[in-house]
Amino acid sequence: MRILITGTPGVGKSTLAKALANKLKIEVLELSTVAFEEELIISYDALRESNIVDIEGLRETLRKRICAKEDILVVGHLIEAVPRECIDLVIVLRLHPLELMRRLRNRGYPEVKVRENVEAEVLDYVLIKALERFSKEKVIEVDVTDRDVSSGVSLLLKALSNPESFKPGKVDWIRALESEGSLDNIFRT
Protein backbone atom coordinates (compact mmCIF):
# COMPACT_ATOMS: atom_id res chain seq x y z
CA MET A 1 0.00 0.00 0.00
CA ARG A 2 1.19 3.52 -0.81
CA ILE A 3 0.39 5.71 2.18
CA LEU A 4 0.79 9.46 2.68
CA ILE A 5 1.14 10.67 6.27
CA THR A 6 0.53 14.39 6.47
CA GLY A 7 -0.47 17.06 8.95
CA THR A 8 0.45 20.48 10.24
CA PRO A 9 4.18 20.91 10.96
CA GLY A 10 4.90 19.68 14.48
CA VAL A 11 2.18 17.02 14.82
CA GLY A 12 4.68 14.15 14.72
CA LYS A 13 4.57 13.05 11.09
CA SER A 14 8.22 12.07 10.70
CA THR A 15 8.60 10.42 14.08
CA LEU A 16 5.45 8.34 13.79
CA ALA A 17 6.01 7.52 10.12
CA LYS A 18 9.50 6.17 10.76
CA ALA A 19 8.26 4.02 13.65
CA LEU A 20 5.27 2.79 11.62
CA ALA A 21 7.44 2.01 8.59
CA ASN A 22 9.79 0.06 10.81
CA LYS A 23 6.85 -1.96 12.12
CA LEU A 24 5.44 -2.54 8.60
CA LYS A 25 8.91 -3.11 7.08
CA ILE A 26 8.34 -0.58 4.30
CA GLU A 27 10.32 2.33 2.90
CA VAL A 28 9.80 5.92 4.12
CA LEU A 29 10.09 8.82 1.70
CA GLU A 30 10.22 12.30 3.25
CA LEU A 31 9.06 15.09 0.93
CA SER A 32 11.53 17.59 2.39
CA THR A 33 14.45 15.19 1.91
CA VAL A 34 13.51 14.63 -1.73
CA ALA A 35 13.23 18.40 -2.28
CA PHE A 36 16.79 18.89 -0.95
CA GLU A 37 18.27 15.85 -2.74
CA GLU A 38 16.79 16.90 -6.07
CA GLU A 39 17.72 20.58 -5.54
CA LEU A 40 14.09 21.71 -5.71
CA ILE A 41 14.47 24.51 -3.17
CA ILE A 42 13.80 27.70 -5.13
CA SER A 43 13.99 30.37 -2.40
CA TYR A 44 13.97 31.08 1.31
CA ASP A 45 11.33 32.86 3.42
CA ALA A 46 13.42 34.63 6.07
CA LEU A 47 10.39 35.73 8.13
CA ARG A 48 9.21 32.14 8.57
CA GLU A 49 12.68 30.61 8.33
CA SER A 50 11.33 28.21 5.69
CA ASN A 51 12.45 26.97 2.31
CA ILE A 52 10.20 27.46 -0.70
CA VAL A 53 9.94 24.33 -2.84
CA ASP A 54 9.37 23.91 -6.58
CA ILE A 55 6.05 22.07 -6.24
CA GLU A 56 5.78 21.03 -9.90
CA GLY A 57 9.34 19.72 -9.95
CA LEU A 58 8.77 17.83 -6.71
CA ARG A 59 5.53 16.33 -8.08
CA GLU A 60 7.31 14.99 -11.17
CA THR A 61 10.12 13.55 -9.09
CA LEU A 62 7.64 11.94 -6.68
CA ARG A 63 5.63 10.48 -9.54
CA LYS A 64 8.71 8.53 -10.62
CA ARG A 65 9.66 7.51 -7.08
CA ILE A 66 6.26 6.62 -5.62
CA CYS A 67 4.10 5.22 -8.42
CA ALA A 68 6.58 2.44 -9.19
CA LYS A 69 6.39 1.14 -5.59
CA GLU A 70 3.83 -1.26 -4.20
CA ASP A 71 4.50 -0.37 -0.57
CA ILE A 72 5.83 2.98 0.56
CA LEU A 73 5.16 5.52 3.29
CA VAL A 74 5.36 9.11 2.06
CA VAL A 75 5.66 11.84 4.72
CA GLY A 76 5.22 15.59 4.56
CA HIS A 77 2.85 18.53 4.59
CA LEU A 78 3.34 19.63 0.96
CA ILE A 79 0.46 17.46 -0.20
CA GLU A 80 -0.06 19.54 -3.33
CA ALA A 81 3.22 18.03 -4.59
CA VAL A 82 2.09 14.42 -4.12
CA PRO A 83 0.65 12.84 -7.28
CA ARG A 84 -2.96 11.79 -6.62
CA GLU A 85 -2.70 8.62 -8.64
CA CYS A 86 0.25 7.33 -6.61
CA ILE A 87 -1.44 7.25 -3.20
CA ASP A 88 -3.83 4.63 -1.85
CA LEU A 89 -4.47 6.13 1.60
CA VAL A 90 -3.89 9.54 3.22
CA ILE A 91 -3.52 9.74 6.99
CA VAL A 92 -3.91 13.27 8.35
CA LEU A 93 -2.39 13.47 11.83
CA ARG A 94 -4.06 15.89 14.24
CA LEU A 95 -2.71 17.36 17.47
CA HIS A 96 -4.35 19.56 20.09
CA PRO A 97 -3.44 23.16 19.12
CA LEU A 98 -2.04 24.11 22.53
CA GLU A 99 0.27 21.07 22.46
CA LEU A 100 1.25 21.99 18.89
CA MET A 101 2.04 25.55 20.01
CA ARG A 102 4.26 24.21 22.80
CA ARG A 103 6.13 21.88 20.43
CA LEU A 104 6.74 24.54 17.80
CA ARG A 105 7.98 27.05 20.37
CA ASN A 106 10.28 24.39 21.85
CA ARG A 107 11.70 23.86 18.36
CA GLY A 108 12.50 27.56 18.19
CA TYR A 109 10.07 28.41 15.39
CA PRO A 110 9.56 32.15 14.78
CA GLU A 111 6.35 33.35 16.45
CA VAL A 112 4.73 34.14 13.07
CA LYS A 113 5.30 30.53 11.99
CA VAL A 114 3.98 29.18 15.30
CA ARG A 115 0.84 31.26 14.96
CA GLU A 116 0.21 30.30 11.33
CA ASN A 117 0.67 26.60 11.98
CA VAL A 118 -1.48 26.56 15.12
CA GLU A 119 -4.24 28.46 13.32
CA ALA A 120 -3.95 26.02 10.40
CA GLU A 121 -4.44 23.11 12.81
CA VAL A 122 -7.46 24.74 14.48
CA LEU A 123 -9.05 25.47 11.10
CA ASP A 124 -8.43 21.95 9.66
CA TYR A 125 -6.28 23.40 6.87
CA VAL A 126 -4.26 20.25 6.05
CA LEU A 127 -7.34 18.03 6.35
CA ILE A 128 -9.27 20.26 3.95
CA LYS A 129 -6.35 20.30 1.50
CA ALA A 130 -6.12 16.49 1.69
CA LEU A 131 -9.85 16.14 1.00
CA GLU A 132 -9.59 18.55 -1.94
CA ARG A 133 -6.56 16.80 -3.43
CA PHE A 134 -7.54 13.18 -2.80
CA SER A 135 -10.96 11.55 -2.77
CA LYS A 136 -12.72 11.52 0.58
CA GLU A 137 -12.62 7.72 0.44
CA LYS A 138 -8.82 7.85 0.65
CA VAL A 139 -8.52 10.26 3.59
CA ILE A 140 -8.58 9.37 7.28
CA GLU A 141 -7.93 11.53 10.34
CA VAL A 142 -6.02 10.39 13.43
CA ASP A 143 -5.76 12.45 16.63
CA VAL A 144 -2.37 11.71 18.22
CA THR A 145 -2.75 14.09 21.17
CA ASP A 146 -1.38 12.64 24.43
CA ARG A 147 0.24 9.70 22.64
CA ASP A 148 3.84 8.65 22.81
CA VAL A 149 5.46 7.02 19.77
CA SER A 150 4.47 3.48 20.77
CA SER A 151 0.79 4.25 21.40
CA GLY A 152 0.73 6.52 18.32
CA VAL A 153 1.96 3.66 16.13
CA SER A 154 -0.61 1.32 17.71
CA LEU A 155 -3.32 3.84 16.86
CA LEU A 156 -2.05 4.15 13.28
CA LEU A 157 -2.06 0.37 12.90
CA LYS A 158 -5.65 0.34 14.17
CA ALA A 159 -6.52 3.04 11.61
CA LEU A 160 -4.91 1.03 8.81
CA SER A 161 -6.86 -2.08 9.75
CA ASN A 162 -10.16 -0.21 10.15
CA PRO A 163 -10.06 3.06 8.17
CA GLU A 164 -13.85 3.49 8.32
CA SER A 165 -13.54 4.28 12.03
CA PHE A 166 -11.18 7.17 11.26
CA LYS A 167 -13.09 9.05 8.59
CA PRO A 168 -12.64 12.84 8.73
CA GLY A 169 -14.88 14.99 10.87
CA LYS A 170 -14.33 13.66 14.38
CA VAL A 171 -11.69 16.22 15.40
CA ASP A 172 -13.16 19.65 16.20
CA TRP A 173 -10.51 21.87 17.76
CA ILE A 174 -12.74 24.96 17.81
CA ARG A 175 -15.32 23.19 19.96
CA ALA A 176 -12.60 21.67 22.17
CA LEU A 177 -10.86 25.02 22.67
CA GLU A 178 -14.17 26.77 23.39
CA SER A 179 -15.06 24.19 26.04
CA GLU A 180 -11.58 24.62 27.59
CA GLY A 181 -11.87 28.43 27.47
CA SER A 182 -8.71 28.56 25.31
CA LEU A 183 -10.01 29.68 21.93
CA ASP A 184 -9.17 33.35 22.55
CA ASN A 185 -5.56 32.36 23.34
CA ILE A 186 -5.20 30.97 19.83
CA PHE A 187 -6.71 33.86 17.87
CA ARG A 188 -5.58 36.85 19.93
CA THR A 189 -3.82 39.56 17.95
C-alpha atoms as a PDB file:
ATOM      1  CA  MET A   1       0.000   0.000   0.000  1.00  0.00           C
ATOM      2  CA  ARG A   2       1.193   3.524  -0.810  1.00  0.00           C
ATOM      3  CA  ILE A   3       0.386   5.707   2.178  1.00  0.00           C
ATOM      4  CA  LEU A   4       0.794   9.456   2.681  1.00  0.00           C
ATOM      5  CA  ILE A   5       1.135  10.674   6.269  1.00  0.00           C
ATOM      6  CA  THR A   6       0.531  14.392   6.468  1.00  0.00           C
ATOM      7  CA  GLY A   7      -0.470  17.063   8.953  1.00  0.00           C
ATOM      8  CA  THR A   8       0.454  20.476  10.237  1.00  0.00           C
ATOM      9  CA  PRO A   9       4.179  20.911  10.957  1.00  0.00           C
ATOM     10  CA  GLY A  10       4.897  19.679  14.478  1.00  0.00           C
ATOM     11  CA  VAL A  11       2.177  17.020  14.815  1.00  0.00           C
ATOM     12  CA  GLY A  12       4.675  14.149  14.720  1.00  0.00           C
ATOM     13  CA  LYS A  13       4.572  13.050  11.086  1.00  0.00           C
ATOM     14  CA  SER A  14       8.219  12.069  10.695  1.00  0.00           C
ATOM     15  CA  THR A  15       8.601  10.424  14.084  1.00  0.00           C
ATOM     16  CA  LEU A  16       5.449   8.342  13.786  1.00  0.00           C
ATOM     17  CA  ALA A  17       6.011   7.522  10.119  1.00  0.00           C
ATOM     18  CA  LYS A  18       9.502   6.167  10.764  1.00  0.00           C
ATOM     19  CA  ALA A  19       8.261   4.020  13.649  1.00  0.00           C
ATOM     20  CA  LEU A  20       5.271   2.793  11.617  1.00  0.00           C
ATOM     21  CA  ALA A  21       7.435   2.011   8.587  1.00  0.00           C
ATOM     22  CA  ASN A  22       9.793   0.062  10.806  1.00  0.00           C
ATOM     23  CA  LYS A  23       6.848  -1.965  12.123  1.00  0.00           C
ATOM     24  CA  LEU A  24       5.441  -2.538   8.602  1.00  0.00           C
ATOM     25  CA  LYS A  25       8.913  -3.109   7.078  1.00  0.00           C
ATOM     26  CA  ILE A  26       8.337  -0.576   4.300  1.00  0.00           C
ATOM     27  CA  GLU A  27      10.323   2.334   2.895  1.00  0.00           C
ATOM     28  CA  VAL A  28       9.796   5.916   4.122  1.00  0.00           C
ATOM     29  CA  LEU A  29      10.091   8.817   1.697  1.00  0.00           C
ATOM     30  CA  GLU A  30      10.217  12.301   3.251  1.00  0.00           C
ATOM     31  CA  LEU A  31       9.061  15.086   0.934  1.00  0.00           C
ATOM     32  CA  SER A  32      11.529  17.594   2.392  1.00  0.00           C
ATOM     33  CA  THR A  33      14.448  15.194   1.912  1.00  0.00           C
ATOM     34  CA  VAL A  34      13.515  14.634  -1.732  1.00  0.00           C
ATOM     35  CA  ALA A  35      13.229  18.397  -2.280  1.00  0.00           C
ATOM     36  CA  PHE A  36      16.792  18.889  -0.953  1.00  0.00           C
ATOM     37  CA  GLU A  37      18.269  15.855  -2.742  1.00  0.00           C
ATOM     38  CA  GLU A  38      16.789  16.903  -6.071  1.00  0.00           C
ATOM     39  CA  GLU A  39      17.722  20.577  -5.542  1.00  0.00           C
ATOM     40  CA  LEU A  40      14.094  21.707  -5.713  1.00  0.00           C
ATOM     41  CA  ILE A  41      14.473  24.514  -3.166  1.00  0.00           C
ATOM     42  CA  ILE A  42      13.805  27.704  -5.127  1.00  0.00           C
ATOM     43  CA  SER A  43      13.989  30.370  -2.400  1.00  0.00           C
ATOM     44  CA  TYR A  44      13.973  31.080   1.314  1.00  0.00           C
ATOM     45  CA  ASP A  45      11.334  32.861   3.418  1.00  0.00           C
ATOM     46  CA  ALA A  46      13.416  34.635   6.072  1.00  0.00           C
ATOM     47  CA  LEU A  47      10.389  35.734   8.127  1.00  0.00           C
ATOM     48  CA  ARG A  48       9.212  32.144   8.573  1.00  0.00           C
ATOM     49  CA  GLU A  49      12.681  30.607   8.332  1.00  0.00           C
ATOM     50  CA  SER A  50      11.332  28.215   5.692  1.00  0.00           C
ATOM     51  CA  ASN A  51      12.446  26.968   2.310  1.00  0.00           C
ATOM     52  CA  ILE A  52      10.202  27.463  -0.703  1.00  0.00           C
ATOM     53  CA  VAL A  53       9.936  24.331  -2.841  1.00  0.00           C
ATOM     54  CA  ASP A  54       9.373  23.910  -6.580  1.00  0.00           C
ATOM     55  CA  ILE A  55       6.050  22.066  -6.243  1.00  0.00           C
ATOM     56  CA  GLU A  56       5.784  21.029  -9.903  1.00  0.00           C
ATOM     57  CA  GLY A  57       9.341  19.720  -9.948  1.00  0.00           C
ATOM     58  CA  LEU A  58       8.767  17.829  -6.714  1.00  0.00           C
ATOM     59  CA  ARG A  59       5.529  16.328  -8.079  1.00  0.00           C
ATOM     60  CA  GLU A  60       7.305  14.990 -11.166  1.00  0.00           C
ATOM     61  CA  THR A  61      10.119  13.548  -9.088  1.00  0.00           C
ATOM     62  CA  LEU A  62       7.643  11.939  -6.685  1.00  0.00           C
ATOM     63  CA  ARG A  63       5.625  10.479  -9.543  1.00  0.00           C
ATOM     64  CA  LYS A  64       8.713   8.532 -10.618  1.00  0.00           C
ATOM     65  CA  ARG A  65       9.661   7.513  -7.082  1.00  0.00           C
ATOM     66  CA  ILE A  66       6.262   6.617  -5.625  1.00  0.00           C
ATOM     67  CA  CYS A  67       4.103   5.225  -8.417  1.00  0.00           C
ATOM     68  CA  ALA A  68       6.580   2.442  -9.191  1.00  0.00           C
ATOM     69  CA  LYS A  69       6.390   1.143  -5.594  1.00  0.00           C
ATOM     70  CA  GLU A  70       3.828  -1.265  -4.199  1.00  0.00           C
ATOM     71  CA  ASP A  71       4.504  -0.373  -0.569  1.00  0.00           C
ATOM     72  CA  ILE A  72       5.832   2.984   0.564  1.00  0.00           C
ATOM     73  CA  LEU A  73       5.156   5.515   3.294  1.00  0.00           C
ATOM     74  CA  VAL A  74       5.363   9.113   2.065  1.00  0.00           C
ATOM     75  CA  VAL A  75       5.661  11.840   4.718  1.00  0.00           C
ATOM     76  CA  GLY A  76       5.223  15.591   4.561  1.00  0.00           C
ATOM     77  CA  HIS A  77       2.848  18.526   4.592  1.00  0.00           C
ATOM     78  CA  LEU A  78       3.344  19.630   0.961  1.00  0.00           C
ATOM     79  CA  ILE A  79       0.460  17.460  -0.199  1.00  0.00           C
ATOM     80  CA  GLU A  80      -0.063  19.536  -3.333  1.00  0.00           C
ATOM     81  CA  ALA A  81       3.216  18.030  -4.589  1.00  0.00           C
ATOM     82  CA  VAL A  82       2.087  14.421  -4.117  1.00  0.00           C
ATOM     83  CA  PRO A  83       0.648  12.843  -7.282  1.00  0.00           C
ATOM     84  CA  ARG A  84      -2.960  11.789  -6.619  1.00  0.00           C
ATOM     85  CA  GLU A  85      -2.699   8.616  -8.636  1.00  0.00           C
ATOM     86  CA  CYS A  86       0.250   7.329  -6.611  1.00  0.00           C
ATOM     87  CA  ILE A  87      -1.438   7.251  -3.198  1.00  0.00           C
ATOM     88  CA  ASP A  88      -3.833   4.627  -1.847  1.00  0.00           C
ATOM     89  CA  LEU A  89      -4.472   6.129   1.596  1.00  0.00           C
ATOM     90  CA  VAL A  90      -3.892   9.537   3.220  1.00  0.00           C
ATOM     91  CA  ILE A  91      -3.519   9.744   6.995  1.00  0.00           C
ATOM     92  CA  VAL A  92      -3.908  13.270   8.353  1.00  0.00           C
ATOM     93  CA  LEU A  93      -2.390  13.472  11.831  1.00  0.00           C
ATOM     94  CA  ARG A  94      -4.058  15.886  14.242  1.00  0.00           C
ATOM     95  CA  LEU A  95      -2.709  17.360  17.468  1.00  0.00           C
ATOM     96  CA  HIS A  96      -4.349  19.564  20.086  1.00  0.00           C
ATOM     97  CA  PRO A  97      -3.440  23.160  19.118  1.00  0.00           C
ATOM     98  CA  LEU A  98      -2.036  24.106  22.534  1.00  0.00           C
ATOM     99  CA  GLU A  99       0.273  21.074  22.458  1.00  0.00           C
ATOM    100  CA  LEU A 100       1.254  21.995  18.892  1.00  0.00           C
ATOM    101  CA  MET A 101       2.038  25.546  20.010  1.00  0.00           C
ATOM    102  CA  ARG A 102       4.259  24.214  22.802  1.00  0.00           C
ATOM    103  CA  ARG A 103       6.128  21.885  20.432  1.00  0.00           C
ATOM    104  CA  LEU A 104       6.740  24.542  17.804  1.00  0.00           C
ATOM    105  CA  ARG A 105       7.985  27.047  20.371  1.00  0.00           C
ATOM    106  CA  ASN A 106      10.277  24.386  21.850  1.00  0.00           C
ATOM    107  CA  ARG A 107      11.701  23.859  18.356  1.00  0.00           C
ATOM    108  CA  GLY A 108      12.501  27.561  18.187  1.00  0.00           C
ATOM    109  CA  TYR A 109      10.073  28.408  15.389  1.00  0.00           C
ATOM    110  CA  PRO A 110       9.558  32.151  14.776  1.00  0.00           C
ATOM    111  CA  GLU A 111       6.354  33.348  16.448  1.00  0.00           C
ATOM    112  CA  VAL A 112       4.727  34.136  13.071  1.00  0.00           C
ATOM    113  CA  LYS A 113       5.301  30.529  11.991  1.00  0.00           C
ATOM    114  CA  VAL A 114       3.976  29.178  15.303  1.00  0.00           C
ATOM    115  CA  ARG A 115       0.835  31.262  14.956  1.00  0.00           C
ATOM    116  CA  GLU A 116       0.208  30.302  11.326  1.00  0.00           C
ATOM    117  CA  ASN A 117       0.674  26.601  11.980  1.00  0.00           C
ATOM    118  CA  VAL A 118      -1.482  26.556  15.117  1.00  0.00           C
ATOM    119  CA  GLU A 119      -4.235  28.464  13.315  1.00  0.00           C
ATOM    120  CA  ALA A 120      -3.949  26.020  10.397  1.00  0.00           C
ATOM    121  CA  GLU A 121      -4.442  23.108  12.813  1.00  0.00           C
ATOM    122  CA  VAL A 122      -7.459  24.741  14.476  1.00  0.00           C
ATOM    123  CA  LEU A 123      -9.051  25.468  11.096  1.00  0.00           C
ATOM    124  CA  ASP A 124      -8.429  21.952   9.660  1.00  0.00           C
ATOM    125  CA  TYR A 125      -6.277  23.398   6.871  1.00  0.00           C
ATOM    126  CA  VAL A 126      -4.263  20.254   6.052  1.00  0.00           C
ATOM    127  CA  LEU A 127      -7.344  18.035   6.350  1.00  0.00           C
ATOM    128  CA  ILE A 128      -9.275  20.259   3.947  1.00  0.00           C
ATOM    129  CA  LYS A 129      -6.354  20.296   1.499  1.00  0.00           C
ATOM    130  CA  ALA A 130      -6.124  16.490   1.686  1.00  0.00           C
ATOM    131  CA  LEU A 131      -9.850  16.141   1.002  1.00  0.00           C
ATOM    132  CA  GLU A 132      -9.594  18.553  -1.940  1.00  0.00           C
ATOM    133  CA  ARG A 133      -6.559  16.805  -3.434  1.00  0.00           C
ATOM    134  CA  PHE A 134      -7.542  13.178  -2.804  1.00  0.00           C
ATOM    135  CA  SER A 135     -10.956  11.551  -2.773  1.00  0.00           C
ATOM    136  CA  LYS A 136     -12.719  11.516   0.584  1.00  0.00           C
ATOM    137  CA  GLU A 137     -12.623   7.718   0.436  1.00  0.00           C
ATOM    138  CA  LYS A 138      -8.822   7.849   0.647  1.00  0.00           C
ATOM    139  CA  VAL A 139      -8.522  10.261   3.593  1.00  0.00           C
ATOM    140  CA  ILE A 140      -8.583   9.366   7.283  1.00  0.00           C
ATOM    141  CA  GLU A 141      -7.925  11.529  10.342  1.00  0.00           C
ATOM    142  CA  VAL A 142      -6.017  10.389  13.432  1.00  0.00           C
ATOM    143  CA  ASP A 143      -5.764  12.450  16.630  1.00  0.00           C
ATOM    144  CA  VAL A 144      -2.374  11.709  18.224  1.00  0.00           C
ATOM    145  CA  THR A 145      -2.750  14.087  21.169  1.00  0.00           C
ATOM    146  CA  ASP A 146      -1.379  12.645  24.427  1.00  0.00           C
ATOM    147  CA  ARG A 147       0.239   9.701  22.642  1.00  0.00           C
ATOM    148  CA  ASP A 148       3.843   8.655  22.810  1.00  0.00           C
ATOM    149  CA  VAL A 149       5.458   7.018  19.768  1.00  0.00           C
ATOM    150  CA  SER A 150       4.467   3.482  20.767  1.00  0.00           C
ATOM    151  CA  SER A 151       0.794   4.252  21.399  1.00  0.00           C
ATOM    152  CA  GLY A 152       0.730   6.517  18.321  1.00  0.00           C
ATOM    153  CA  VAL A 153       1.959   3.662  16.129  1.00  0.00           C
ATOM    154  CA  SER A 154      -0.609   1.322  17.710  1.00  0.00           C
ATOM    155  CA  LEU A 155      -3.323   3.842  16.856  1.00  0.00           C
ATOM    156  CA  LEU A 156      -2.052   4.152  13.279  1.00  0.00           C
ATOM    157  CA  LEU A 157      -2.056   0.365  12.905  1.00  0.00           C
ATOM    158  CA  LYS A 158      -5.650   0.344  14.167  1.00  0.00           C
ATOM    159  CA  ALA A 159      -6.524   3.044  11.614  1.00  0.00           C
ATOM    160  CA  LEU A 160      -4.909   1.028   8.811  1.00  0.00           C
ATOM    161  CA  SER A 161      -6.865  -2.076   9.754  1.00  0.00           C
ATOM    162  CA  ASN A 162     -10.159  -0.209  10.154  1.00  0.00           C
ATOM    163  CA  PRO A 163     -10.063   3.064   8.171  1.00  0.00           C
ATOM    164  CA  GLU A 164     -13.855   3.488   8.316  1.00  0.00           C
ATOM    165  CA  SER A 165     -13.539   4.285  12.033  1.00  0.00           C
ATOM    166  CA  PHE A 166     -11.178   7.174  11.265  1.00  0.00           C
ATOM    167  CA  LYS A 167     -13.092   9.045   8.588  1.00  0.00           C
ATOM    168  CA  PRO A 168     -12.638  12.844   8.731  1.00  0.00           C
ATOM    169  CA  GLY A 169     -14.881  14.986  10.865  1.00  0.00           C
ATOM    170  CA  LYS A 170     -14.331  13.664  14.376  1.00  0.00           C
ATOM    171  CA  VAL A 171     -11.690  16.222  15.399  1.00  0.00           C
ATOM    172  CA  ASP A 172     -13.161  19.645  16.198  1.00  0.00           C
ATOM    173  CA  TRP A 173     -10.513  21.870  17.758  1.00  0.00           C
ATOM    174  CA  ILE A 174     -12.739  24.962  17.808  1.00  0.00           C
ATOM    175  CA  ARG A 175     -15.320  23.195  19.957  1.00  0.00           C
ATOM    176  CA  ALA A 176     -12.604  21.666  22.174  1.00  0.00           C
ATOM    177  CA  LEU A 177     -10.856  25.017  22.665  1.00  0.00           C
ATOM    178  CA  GLU A 178     -14.166  26.772  23.393  1.00  0.00           C
ATOM    179  CA  SER A 179     -15.060  24.193  26.044  1.00  0.00           C
ATOM    180  CA  GLU A 180     -11.583  24.621  27.585  1.00  0.00           C
ATOM    181  CA  GLY A 181     -11.866  28.426  27.471  1.00  0.00           C
ATOM    182  CA  SER A 182      -8.712  28.557  25.309  1.00  0.00           C
ATOM    183  CA  LEU A 183     -10.008  29.682  21.928  1.00  0.00           C
ATOM    184  CA  ASP A 184      -9.170  33.352  22.552  1.00  0.00           C
ATOM    185  CA  ASN A 185      -5.560  32.360  23.337  1.00  0.00           C
ATOM    186  CA  ILE A 186      -5.201  30.971  19.831  1.00  0.00           C
ATOM    187  CA  PHE A 187      -6.707  33.861  17.872  1.00  0.00           C
ATOM    188  CA  ARG A 188      -5.583  36.845  19.928  1.00  0.00           C
ATOM    189  CA  THR A 189      -3.818  39.564  17.951  1.00  0.00           C
END
